[in-house]
Amino acid sequence: MLQVDKLVHSMTEEHSVDLSGGLEDVPVLCEALTPPTFKYSTDNIQGAGCSLDPSEVTLPGCSCTSHSCHPETCSCLQTSGKAYDDTGRLLNLDAPESGYSSPVFECNALCTCSDTCSNRVVGRGLRLRLVVYRTKSKGWGVRTSEEIPRGTFVCEYAGEVITFAEATRRQLSQRVEENNYIIAVREHAGMGSVTETFVDPARAGNVGRFLNHSCAPNLHMLPVRVHSAIPRLALFAGRDIHAQEELTFDYSGRYGAQKPVEGISSDGLKRKQCHCGSLNCARFLPLDLSILS
């Protein structure tokens, strides 16, 4: 039975199209007669109100000459500490108690270390074979064609980087039947301050825009800075993931079990129903009310 399943998936992938149009090093296959229409972008792009171009190299590089950088001598690692093991897998998958992420800085194009440095992970781009497909009850979804070990970088959630004001405008102008793609990420910026980043892949984005929410996700989102002060929203495997398994993350940014929520928020806004099917399903999709304030 397993061999038959593998054969079916192999035949299906042979008749799929590459959504990235060759922009990714690994094709992003789509199993649909009519692929979704959007502009594919491997990285974040400058959106309405954003004063910085995410594609510009604005962070300094290290001067390491070793095969792989070390925290004692690397300026990139001294900024945020060592985030990956020697194989490039994320060391800490625990959600911060504060609810805010801590910045991670990778080596970038200005660094003199090797291209195989273990602190170059997200910057290398997509390396896994992912498939976009139609789910039974959740619209589009993404599954993996291969086994993914815990801590492995899977893909980015890339799109337009926009301001808080633009995020609010777009969300308030949405129709009920439209999907909300906007993700807000908050980080500790030192001295008690918090940095916010808003990414919207509705018009332009990568394979990450097709990832569904789950109240028991297998992916963990972490903001990672490579070339720019604007972080990339990187998704890592929160556990060992089987081949052909759907990939999901928690739209609220958390990782772990969720509590049930009411269908109507305190502001009278109707939440969309969650169809993740997990045993601990919260019944409704997360709603970031701070964007609507």
C-alpha atoms as a PDB file:
ATOM      1  CA  MET A   1       0.000   0.000   0.000  1.00  0.00           C
ATOM      2  CA  LEU A   2       2.844   2.358   0.835  1.00  0.00           C
ATOM      3  CA  GLN A   3       4.486   1.674  -2.534  1.00  0.00           C
ATOM      4  CA  VAL A   4       1.196   2.387  -4.333  1.00  0.00           C
ATOM      5  CA  ASP A   5       0.796   5.687  -2.458  1.00  0.00           C
ATOM      6  CA  LYS A   6       4.320   6.724  -3.398  1.00  0.00           C
ATOM      7  CA  LEU A   7       3.641   5.833  -7.043  1.00  0.00           C
ATOM      8  CA  VAL A   8       0.422   7.862  -7.117  1.00  0.00           C
ATOM      9  CA  HIS A   9       2.129  10.916  -5.606  1.00  0.00           C
ATOM     10  CA  SER A  10       5.032  10.534  -8.049  1.00  0.00           C
ATOM     11  CA  MET A  11       2.672  10.420 -11.051  1.00  0.00           C
ATOM     12  CA  THR A  12       0.715  13.421  -9.715  1.00  0.00           C
ATOM     13  CA  GLU A  13       3.856  15.502  -9.256  1.00  0.00           C
ATOM     14  CA  GLU A  14       4.955  14.733 -12.817  1.00  0.00           C
ATOM     15  CA  HIS A  15       1.823  16.530 -14.087  1.00  0.00           C
ATOM     16  CA  SER A  16       2.128  19.506 -11.717  1.00  0.00           C
ATOM     17  CA  VAL A  17       3.344  23.022 -12.492  1.00  0.00           C
ATOM     18  CA  ASP A  18       6.035  24.985 -10.687  1.00  0.00           C
ATOM     19  CA  LEU A  19       4.279  27.886  -8.941  1.00  0.00           C
ATOM     20  CA  SER A  20       7.585  29.695  -8.483  1.00  0.00           C
ATOM     21  CA  GLY A  21       8.227  29.770 -12.232  1.00  0.00           C
ATOM     22  CA  GLY A  22      11.797  28.663 -11.620  1.00  0.00           C
ATOM     23  CA  LEU A  23      12.514  31.370  -9.032  1.00  0.00           C
ATOM     24  CA  GLU A  24      13.120  28.802  -6.274  1.00  0.00           C
ATOM     25  CA  ASP A  25      16.057  26.370  -6.375  1.00  0.00           C
ATOM     26  CA  VAL A  26      13.494  23.620  -5.744  1.00  0.00           C
ATOM     27  CA  PRO A  27      10.220  23.630  -7.754  1.00  0.00           C
ATOM     28  CA  VAL A  28       7.054  24.448  -5.797  1.00  0.00           C
ATOM     29  CA  LEU A  29       4.605  22.010  -7.367  1.00  0.00           C
ATOM     30  CA  CYS A  30       0.874  22.707  -7.617  1.00  0.00           C
ATOM     31  CA  GLU A  31      -1.609  19.872  -8.061  1.00  0.00           C
ATOM     32  CA  ALA A  32      -4.447  21.764  -9.722  1.00  0.00           C
ATOM     33  CA  LEU A  33      -5.776  22.179 -13.245  1.00  0.00           C
ATOM     34  CA  THR A  34      -6.124  25.897 -12.541  1.00  0.00           C
ATOM     35  CA  PRO A  35      -3.231  27.173 -10.371  1.00  0.00           C
ATOM     36  CA  PRO A  36      -3.917  30.197  -8.135  1.00  0.00           C
ATOM     37  CA  THR A  37      -3.179  33.626  -9.601  1.00  0.00           C
ATOM     38  CA  PHE A  38      -0.670  35.769  -7.714  1.00  0.00           C
ATOM     39  CA  LYS A  39       2.844  37.175  -8.098  1.00  0.00           C
ATOM     40  CA  TYR A  40       5.450  34.738  -6.809  1.00  0.00           C
ATOM     41  CA  SER A  41       8.252  36.313  -4.774  1.00  0.00           C
ATOM     42  CA  THR A  42      10.927  34.304  -2.980  1.00  0.00           C
ATOM     43  CA  ASP A  43      11.566  37.116  -0.491  1.00  0.00           C
ATOM     44  CA  ASN A  44       9.741  39.965   1.210  1.00  0.00           C
ATOM     45  CA  ILE A  45       9.098  43.014  -0.952  1.00  0.00           C
ATOM     46  CA  GLN A  46       8.504  46.658  -0.099  1.00  0.00           C
ATOM     47  CA  GLY A  47       4.800  47.350   0.397  1.00  0.00           C
ATOM     48  CA  ALA A  48       2.639  50.406   1.037  1.00  0.00           C
ATOM     49  CA  GLY A  49       4.102  52.746   3.645  1.00  0.00           C
ATOM     50  CA  CYS A  50       7.253  50.691   4.219  1.00  0.00           C
ATOM     51  CA  SER A  51      10.300  52.988   4.241  1.00  0.00           C
ATOM     52  CA  LEU A  52      12.878  50.203   3.794  1.00  0.00           C
ATOM     53  CA  ASP A  53      13.452  47.894   0.842  1.00  0.00           C
ATOM     54  CA  PRO A  54      13.774  44.363   2.334  1.00  0.00           C
ATOM     55  CA  SER A  55      15.996  43.285  -0.582  1.00  0.00           C
ATOM     56  CA  GLU A  56      18.730  45.820   0.224  1.00  0.00           C
ATOM     57  CA  VAL A  57      21.733  44.665   2.270  1.00  0.00           C
ATOM     58  CA  THR A  58      21.685  46.983   5.276  1.00  0.00           C
ATOM     59  CA  LEU A  59      23.267  44.820   7.993  1.00  0.00           C
ATOM     60  CA  PRO A  60      27.049  44.523   8.437  1.00  0.00           C
ATOM     61  CA  GLY A  61      28.841  41.220   7.877  1.00  0.00           C
ATOM     62  CA  CYS A  62      31.304  39.283  10.009  1.00  0.00           C
ATOM     63  CA  SER A  63      34.997  38.926   9.176  1.00  0.00           C
ATOM     64  CA  CYS A  64      35.278  35.235  10.064  1.00  0.00           C
ATOM     65  CA  THR A  65      37.521  33.103   7.883  1.00  0.00           C
ATOM     66  CA  SER A  66      36.644  29.726   9.360  1.00  0.00           C
ATOM     67  CA  HIS A  67      34.475  27.085   7.693  1.00  0.00           C
ATOM     68  CA  SER A  68      31.708  27.766  10.227  1.00  0.00           C
ATOM     69  CA  CYS A  69      31.365  30.716  12.594  1.00  0.00           C
ATOM     70  CA  HIS A  70      31.802  30.497  16.385  1.00  0.00           C
ATOM     71  CA  PRO A  71      29.975  32.610  19.016  1.00  0.00           C
ATOM     72  CA  GLU A  72      33.276  33.664  20.603  1.00  0.00           C
ATOM     73  CA  THR A  73      34.503  35.444  17.464  1.00  0.00           C
ATOM     74  CA  CYS A  74      31.567  36.018  15.094  1.00  0.00           C
ATOM     75  CA  SER A  75      29.884  39.423  15.281  1.00  0.00           C
ATOM     76  CA  CYS A  76      26.636  37.969  13.839  1.00  0.00           C
ATOM     77  CA  LEU A  77      26.403  35.305  16.539  1.00  0.00           C
ATOM     78  CA  GLN A  78      27.373  37.750  19.272  1.00  0.00           C
ATOM     79  CA  THR A  79      24.341  39.859  18.352  1.00  0.00           C
ATOM     80  CA  SER A  80      21.747  37.181  19.082  1.00  0.00           C
ATOM     81  CA  GLY A  81      23.581  34.041  20.154  1.00  0.00           C
ATOM     82  CA  LYS A  82      23.820  30.698  18.382  1.00  0.00           C
ATOM     83  CA  ALA A  83      20.435  29.725  16.940  1.00  0.00           C
ATOM     84  CA  TYR A  84      21.357  26.587  14.965  1.00  0.00           C
ATOM     85  CA  ASP A  85      23.299  23.399  15.596  1.00  0.00           C
ATOM     86  CA  ASP A  86      26.140  22.291  13.307  1.00  0.00           C
ATOM     87  CA  THR A  87      23.645  20.805  10.825  1.00  0.00           C
ATOM     88  CA  GLY A  88      21.629  24.027  10.556  1.00  0.00           C
ATOM     89  CA  ARG A  89      18.680  22.901  12.675  1.00  0.00           C
ATOM     90  CA  LEU A  90      17.057  25.304  15.129  1.00  0.00           C
ATOM     91  CA  LEU A  91      18.240  24.734  18.697  1.00  0.00           C
ATOM     92  CA  ASN A  92      15.347  26.274  20.627  1.00  0.00           C
ATOM     93  CA  LEU A  93      11.776  25.550  19.567  1.00  0.00           C
ATOM     94  CA  ASP A  94      10.158  26.615  22.829  1.00  0.00           C
ATOM     95  CA  ALA A  95       7.725  29.522  22.626  1.00  0.00           C
ATOM     96  CA  PRO A  96       8.891  32.568  24.644  1.00  0.00           C
ATOM     97  CA  GLU A  97       6.965  33.075  27.889  1.00  0.00           C
ATOM     98  CA  SER A  98       6.612  36.781  27.111  1.00  0.00           C
ATOM     99  CA  GLY A  99       4.812  36.080  23.836  1.00  0.00           C
ATOM    100  CA  TYR A 100       7.431  38.128  21.973  1.00  0.00           C
ATOM    101  CA  SER A 101      10.145  36.603  19.788  1.00  0.00           C
ATOM    102  CA  SER A 102      13.854  37.258  20.279  1.00  0.00           C
ATOM    103  CA  PRO A 103      15.784  38.336  17.159  1.00  0.00           C
ATOM    104  CA  VAL A 104      18.013  35.883  15.264  1.00  0.00           C
ATOM    105  CA  PHE A 105      20.808  37.203  13.026  1.00  0.00           C
ATOM    106  CA  GLU A 106      22.295  35.028  10.275  1.00  0.00           C
ATOM    107  CA  CYS A 107      25.480  35.542   8.329  1.00  0.00           C
ATOM    108  CA  ASN A 108      24.825  37.430   5.098  1.00  0.00           C
ATOM    109  CA  ALA A 109      26.284  38.429   1.725  1.00  0.00           C
ATOM    110  CA  LEU A 110      28.851  40.741   3.352  1.00  0.00           C
ATOM    111  CA  CYS A 111      30.210  38.028   5.664  1.00  0.00           C
ATOM    112  CA  THR A 112      33.534  36.408   4.790  1.00  0.00           C
ATOM    113  CA  CYS A 113      32.726  32.995   6.253  1.00  0.00           C
ATOM    114  CA  SER A 114      32.042  29.938   4.114  1.00  0.00           C
ATOM    115  CA  ASP A 115      28.802  29.541   2.172  1.00  0.00           C
ATOM    116  CA  THR A 116      28.298  26.335   4.167  1.00  0.00           C
ATOM    117  CA  CYS A 117      28.532  28.113   7.534  1.00  0.00           C
ATOM    118  CA  SER A 118      25.982  26.672   9.968  1.00  0.00           C
ATOM    119  CA  ASN A 119      24.716  30.225  10.598  1.00  0.00           C
ATOM    120  CA  ARG A 120      23.472  30.403   6.995  1.00  0.00           C
ATOM    121  CA  VAL A 121      20.084  28.676   6.947  1.00  0.00           C
ATOM    122  CA  VAL A 122      17.146  30.881   5.973  1.00  0.00           C
ATOM    123  CA  GLY A 123      19.414  32.870   3.658  1.00  0.00           C
ATOM    124  CA  ARG A 124      19.960  29.759   1.529  1.00  0.00           C
ATOM    125  CA  GLY A 125      16.308  29.692   0.566  1.00  0.00           C
ATOM    126  CA  LEU A 126      13.939  26.803  -0.049  1.00  0.00           C
ATOM    127  CA  ARG A 127      15.565  23.367   0.017  1.00  0.00           C
ATOM    128  CA  LEU A 128      12.592  21.025   0.525  1.00  0.00           C
ATOM    129  CA  ARG A 129      10.138  19.585  -2.005  1.00  0.00           C
ATOM    130  CA  LEU A 130       6.769  21.120  -1.150  1.00  0.00           C
ATOM    131  CA  VAL A 131       3.426  20.664  -2.924  1.00  0.00           C
ATOM    132  CA  VAL A 132       0.452  23.063  -3.020  1.00  0.00           C
ATOM    133  CA  TYR A 133      -2.840  21.199  -3.280  1.00  0.00           C
ATOM    134  CA  ARG A 134      -6.584  21.455  -2.674  1.00  0.00           C
ATOM    135  CA  THR A 135      -7.685  20.243   0.764  1.00  0.00           C
ATOM    136  CA  LYS A 136     -11.135  18.842   1.522  1.00  0.00           C
ATOM    137  CA  SER A 137     -12.394  21.703   3.681  1.00  0.00           C
ATOM    138  CA  LYS A 138      -9.677  24.382   3.997  1.00  0.00           C
ATOM    139  CA  GLY A 139      -9.060  25.539   0.431  1.00  0.00           C
ATOM    140  CA  TRP A 140      -5.413  25.457  -0.582  1.00  0.00           C
ATOM    141  CA  GLY A 141      -2.836  23.707   1.575  1.00  0.00           C
ATOM    142  CA  VAL A 142       0.822  22.678   1.536  1.00  0.00           C
ATOM    143  CA  ARG A 143       2.283  19.241   2.129  1.00  0.00           C
ATOM    144  CA  THR A 144       5.829  17.930   2.108  1.00  0.00           C
ATOM    145  CA  SER A 145       7.083  15.302  -0.333  1.00  0.00           C
ATOM    146  CA  GLU A 146       9.848  14.242   2.043  1.00  0.00           C
ATOM    147  CA  GLU A 147      10.563  13.553   5.707  1.00  0.00           C
ATOM    148  CA  ILE A 148      11.469  16.701   7.677  1.00  0.00           C
ATOM    149  CA  PRO A 149      13.459  16.340  10.928  1.00  0.00           C
ATOM    150  CA  ARG A 150      12.568  18.520  13.922  1.00  0.00           C
ATOM    151  CA  GLY A 151      14.229  21.946  13.831  1.00  0.00           C
ATOM    152  CA  THR A 152      14.704  21.977  10.038  1.00  0.00           C
ATOM    153  CA  PHE A 153      14.023  25.211   8.149  1.00  0.00           C
ATOM    154  CA  VAL A 154      11.022  24.603   5.892  1.00  0.00           C
ATOM    155  CA  CYS A 155      10.124  27.870   4.160  1.00  0.00           C
ATOM    156  CA  GLU A 156       9.474  31.565   4.676  1.00  0.00           C
ATOM    157  CA  TYR A 157       6.182  33.396   4.982  1.00  0.00           C
ATOM    158  CA  ALA A 158       7.136  36.045   2.422  1.00  0.00           C
ATOM    159  CA  GLY A 159       5.041  38.897   1.070  1.00  0.00           C
ATOM    160  CA  GLU A 160       4.604  42.639   1.108  1.00  0.00           C
ATOM    161  CA  VAL A 161       6.030  44.342   4.192  1.00  0.00           C
ATOM    162  CA  ILE A 162       3.513  47.010   5.162  1.00  0.00           C
ATOM    163  CA  THR A 163       2.905  49.469   7.976  1.00  0.00           C
ATOM    164  CA  PHE A 164       0.467  49.101  10.859  1.00  0.00           C
ATOM    165  CA  ALA A 165      -1.809  51.691   9.251  1.00  0.00           C
ATOM    166  CA  GLU A 166      -1.863  49.817   5.941  1.00  0.00           C
ATOM    167  CA  ALA A 167      -2.459  46.492   7.690  1.00  0.00           C
ATOM    168  CA  THR A 168      -5.442  48.045   9.465  1.00  0.00           C
ATOM    169  CA  ARG A 169      -6.805  49.548   6.237  1.00  0.00           C
ATOM    170  CA  ARG A 170      -6.541  46.254   4.350  1.00  0.00           C
ATOM    171  CA  GLN A 171      -8.111  44.197   7.101  1.00  0.00           C
ATOM    172  CA  LEU A 172     -11.035  46.572   7.586  1.00  0.00           C
ATOM    173  CA  SER A 173     -11.715  46.664   3.829  1.00  0.00           C
ATOM    174  CA  GLN A 174     -11.823  42.869   3.495  1.00  0.00           C
ATOM    175  CA  ARG A 175     -15.037  41.122   2.542  1.00  0.00           C
ATOM    176  CA  VAL A 176     -16.257  38.273   4.742  1.00  0.00           C
ATOM    177  CA  GLU A 177     -15.531  35.640   2.085  1.00  0.00           C
ATOM    178  CA  GLU A 178     -11.941  36.841   1.523  1.00  0.00           C
ATOM    179  CA  ASN A 179      -8.932  35.243   3.200  1.00  0.00           C
ATOM    180  CA  ASN A 180      -6.820  37.320   5.565  1.00  0.00           C
ATOM    181  CA  TYR A 181      -3.128  36.701   4.904  1.00  0.00           C
ATOM    182  CA  ILE A 182      -1.673  39.449   7.133  1.00  0.00           C
ATOM    183  CA  ILE A 183       0.705  38.206   9.812  1.00  0.00           C
ATOM    184  CA  ALA A 184       1.909  40.505  12.611  1.00  0.00           C
ATOM    185  CA  VAL A 185       5.143  39.557  14.378  1.00  0.00           C
ATOM    186  CA  ARG A 186       6.302  41.270  17.557  1.00  0.00           C
ATOM    187  CA  GLU A 187       9.863  41.134  18.886  1.00  0.00           C
ATOM    188  CA  HIS A 188      11.749  42.393  21.925  1.00  0.00           C
ATOM    189  CA  ALA A 189      13.961  45.248  20.730  1.00  0.00           C
ATOM    190  CA  GLY A 190      15.763  45.976  24.012  1.00  0.00           C
ATOM    191  CA  MET A 191      15.061  48.421  26.841  1.00  0.00           C
ATOM    192  CA  GLY A 192      11.485  47.179  27.039  1.00  0.00           C
ATOM    193  CA  SER A 193      10.581  48.259  23.505  1.00  0.00           C
ATOM    194  CA  VAL A 194       8.800  46.026  20.991  1.00  0.00           C
ATOM    195  CA  THR A 195       9.315  45.932  17.213  1.00  0.00           C
ATOM    196  CA  GLU A 196       6.384  45.016  14.969  1.00  0.00           C
ATOM    197  CA  THR A 197       6.534  43.641  11.424  1.00  0.00           C
ATOM    198  CA  PHE A 198       3.463  43.205   9.205  1.00  0.00           C
ATOM    199  CA  VAL A 199       3.643  40.895   6.175  1.00  0.00           C
ATOM    200  CA  ASP A 200       0.839  40.433   3.637  1.00  0.00           C
ATOM    201  CA  PRO A 201       1.323  37.836   0.838  1.00  0.00           C
ATOM    202  CA  ALA A 202      -2.190  38.245  -0.622  1.00  0.00           C
ATOM    203  CA  ARG A 203      -0.932  39.945  -3.810  1.00  0.00           C
ATOM    204  CA  ALA A 204       2.685  38.823  -3.876  1.00  0.00           C
ATOM    205  CA  GLY A 205       4.250  36.038  -1.852  1.00  0.00           C
ATOM    206  CA  ASN A 206       5.787  32.583  -1.822  1.00  0.00           C
ATOM    207  CA  VAL A 207       4.660  29.044  -0.982  1.00  0.00           C
ATOM    208  CA  GLY A 208       4.132  30.120   2.640  1.00  0.00           C
ATOM    209  CA  ARG A 209       0.923  31.972   1.693  1.00  0.00           C
ATOM    210  CA  PHE A 210      -0.810  28.617   1.166  1.00  0.00           C
ATOM    211  CA  LEU A 211      -0.041  27.227   4.627  1.00  0.00           C
ATOM    212  CA  ASN A 212      -3.135  26.562   6.722  1.00  0.00           C
ATOM    213  CA  HIS A 213      -3.662  27.309  10.401  1.00  0.00           C
ATOM    214  CA  SER A 214      -3.739  24.516  12.957  1.00  0.00           C
ATOM    215  CA  CYS A 215      -4.377  24.549  16.681  1.00  0.00           C
ATOM    216  CA  ALA A 216      -1.809  21.712  16.834  1.00  0.00           C
ATOM    217  CA  PRO A 217       0.721  22.925  14.229  1.00  0.00           C
ATOM    218  CA  ASN A 218       3.851  21.141  13.048  1.00  0.00           C
ATOM    219  CA  LEU A 219       5.667  24.368  12.101  1.00  0.00           C
ATOM    220  CA  HIS A 220       7.101  27.090  14.347  1.00  0.00           C
ATOM    221  CA  MET A 221       7.487  30.699  13.096  1.00  0.00           C
ATOM    222  CA  LEU A 222      10.579  32.705  13.998  1.00  0.00           C
ATOM    223  CA  PRO A 223      11.710  36.136  12.727  1.00  0.00           C
ATOM    224  CA  VAL A 224      15.216  35.844  11.263  1.00  0.00           C
ATOM    225  CA  ARG A 225      17.376  38.685   9.945  1.00  0.00           C
ATOM    226  CA  VAL A 226      19.756  37.948   7.104  1.00  0.00           C
ATOM    227  CA  HIS A 227      20.635  40.965   4.925  1.00  0.00           C
ATOM    228  CA  SER A 228      18.106  43.494   6.216  1.00  0.00           C
ATOM    229  CA  ALA A 229      16.846  44.956   9.476  1.00  0.00           C
ATOM    230  CA  ILE A 230      13.423  43.758   8.298  1.00  0.00           C
ATOM    231  CA  PRO A 231      13.091  40.155   9.480  1.00  0.00           C
ATOM    232  CA  ARG A 232      12.175  37.166   7.370  1.00  0.00           C
ATOM    233  CA  LEU A 233       9.334  35.157   8.880  1.00  0.00           C
ATOM    234  CA  ALA A 234      10.943  31.724   8.876  1.00  0.00           C
ATOM    235  CA  LEU A 235       9.047  28.503   9.548  1.00  0.00           C
ATOM    236  CA  PHE A 236      10.821  25.545  11.157  1.00  0.00           C
ATOM    237  CA  ALA A 237       9.662  21.994  11.804  1.00  0.00           C
ATOM    238  CA  GLY A 238       8.378  21.877  15.390  1.00  0.00           C
ATOM    239  CA  ARG A 239       8.589  18.086  15.379  1.00  0.00           C
ATOM    240  CA  ASP A 240       9.574  15.285  13.010  1.00  0.00           C
ATOM    241  CA  ILE A 241       7.216  15.544  10.025  1.00  0.00           C
ATOM    242  CA  HIS A 242       6.302  12.600   7.793  1.00  0.00           C
ATOM    243  CA  ALA A 243       6.353  12.674   4.001  1.00  0.00           C
ATOM    244  CA  GLN A 244       2.945  13.628   2.485  1.00  0.00           C
ATOM    245  CA  GLU A 245       1.894  15.312   5.757  1.00  0.00           C
ATOM    246  CA  GLU A 246       0.200  18.706   5.557  1.00  0.00           C
ATOM    247  CA  LEU A 247       2.298  21.600   6.863  1.00  0.00           C
ATOM    248  CA  THR A 248       0.590  24.046   9.237  1.00  0.00           C
ATOM    249  CA  PHE A 249       1.397  26.822  11.684  1.00  0.00           C
ATOM    250  CA  ASP A 250      -0.532  28.773  14.294  1.00  0.00           C
ATOM    251  CA  TYR A 251      -1.693  32.069  12.770  1.00  0.00           C
ATOM    252  CA  SER A 252      -1.435  33.683  16.209  1.00  0.00           C
ATOM    253  CA  GLY A 253       2.318  33.026  16.207  1.00  0.00           C
ATOM    254  CA  ARG A 254       2.191  30.600  19.134  1.00  0.00           C
ATOM    255  CA  TYR A 255       3.337  26.990  19.097  1.00  0.00           C
ATOM    256  CA  GLY A 256       1.498  24.427  21.218  1.00  0.00           C
ATOM    257  CA  ALA A 257      -1.979  23.648  22.530  1.00  0.00           C
ATOM    258  CA  GLN A 258      -4.658  26.345  22.262  1.00  0.00           C
ATOM    259  CA  LYS A 259      -7.732  27.081  24.356  1.00  0.00           C
ATOM    260  CA  PRO A 260     -11.223  27.328  22.804  1.00  0.00           C
ATOM    261  CA  VAL A 261     -12.309  30.869  21.908  1.00  0.00           C
ATOM    262  CA  GLU A 262     -15.695  32.466  21.389  1.00  0.00           C
ATOM    263  CA  GLY A 263     -17.111  32.942  17.884  1.00  0.00           C
ATOM    264  CA  ILE A 264     -17.762  36.624  18.548  1.00  0.00           C
ATOM    265  CA  SER A 265     -14.909  38.782  19.840  1.00  0.00           C
ATOM    266  CA  SER A 266     -15.277  41.410  22.559  1.00  0.00           C
ATOM    267  CA  ASP A 267     -15.501  43.999  19.767  1.00  0.00           C
ATOM    268  CA  GLY A 268     -18.447  42.207  18.135  1.00  0.00           C
ATOM    269  CA  LEU A 269     -16.358  40.909  15.209  1.00  0.00           C
ATOM    270  CA  LYS A 270     -17.298  37.491  13.883  1.00  0.00           C
ATOM    271  CA  ARG A 271     -14.416  35.000  13.800  1.00  0.00           C
ATOM    272  CA  LYS A 272     -13.947  32.504  10.996  1.00  0.00           C
ATOM    273  CA  GLN A 273     -14.455  28.870  11.901  1.00  0.00           C
ATOM    274  CA  CYS A 274     -11.366  26.665  12.240  1.00  0.00           C
ATOM    275  CA  HIS A 275     -11.313  23.386  10.291  1.00  0.00           C
ATOM    276  CA  CYS A 276      -7.922  22.070  11.450  1.00  0.00           C
ATOM    277  CA  GLY A 277      -9.482  18.929  12.932  1.00  0.00           C
ATOM    278  CA  SER A 278      -7.057  18.690  15.854  1.00  0.00           C
ATOM    279  CA  LEU A 279      -8.225  17.261  19.184  1.00  0.00           C
ATOM    280  CA  ASN A 280      -7.549  20.587  20.903  1.00  0.00           C
ATOM    281  CA  CYS A 281      -9.122  22.761  18.184  1.00  0.00           C
ATOM    282  CA  ALA A 282     -10.058  26.236  19.461  1.00  0.00           C
ATOM    283  CA  ARG A 283     -13.039  26.200  17.035  1.00  0.00           C
ATOM    284  CA  PHE A 284     -12.235  29.589  15.473  1.00  0.00           C
ATOM    285  CA  LEU A 285      -9.240  31.080  13.679  1.00  0.00           C
ATOM    286  CA  PRO A 286      -7.059  33.544  15.631  1.00  0.00           C
ATOM    287  CA  LEU A 287      -7.988  37.214  15.219  1.00  0.00           C
ATOM    288  CA  ASP A 288      -5.402  39.916  15.928  1.00  0.00           C
ATOM    289  CA  LEU A 289      -7.570  42.709  17.331  1.00  0.00           C
ATOM    290  CA  SER A 290      -4.558  45.032  17.756  1.00  0.00           C
ATOM    291  CA  ILE A 291      -4.512  45.580  13.976  1.00  0.00           C
ATOM    292  CA  LEU A 292      -8.133  46.679  14.078  1.00  0.00           C
ATOM    293  CA  SER A 293      -7.780  49.144  16.941  1.00  0.00           C
END
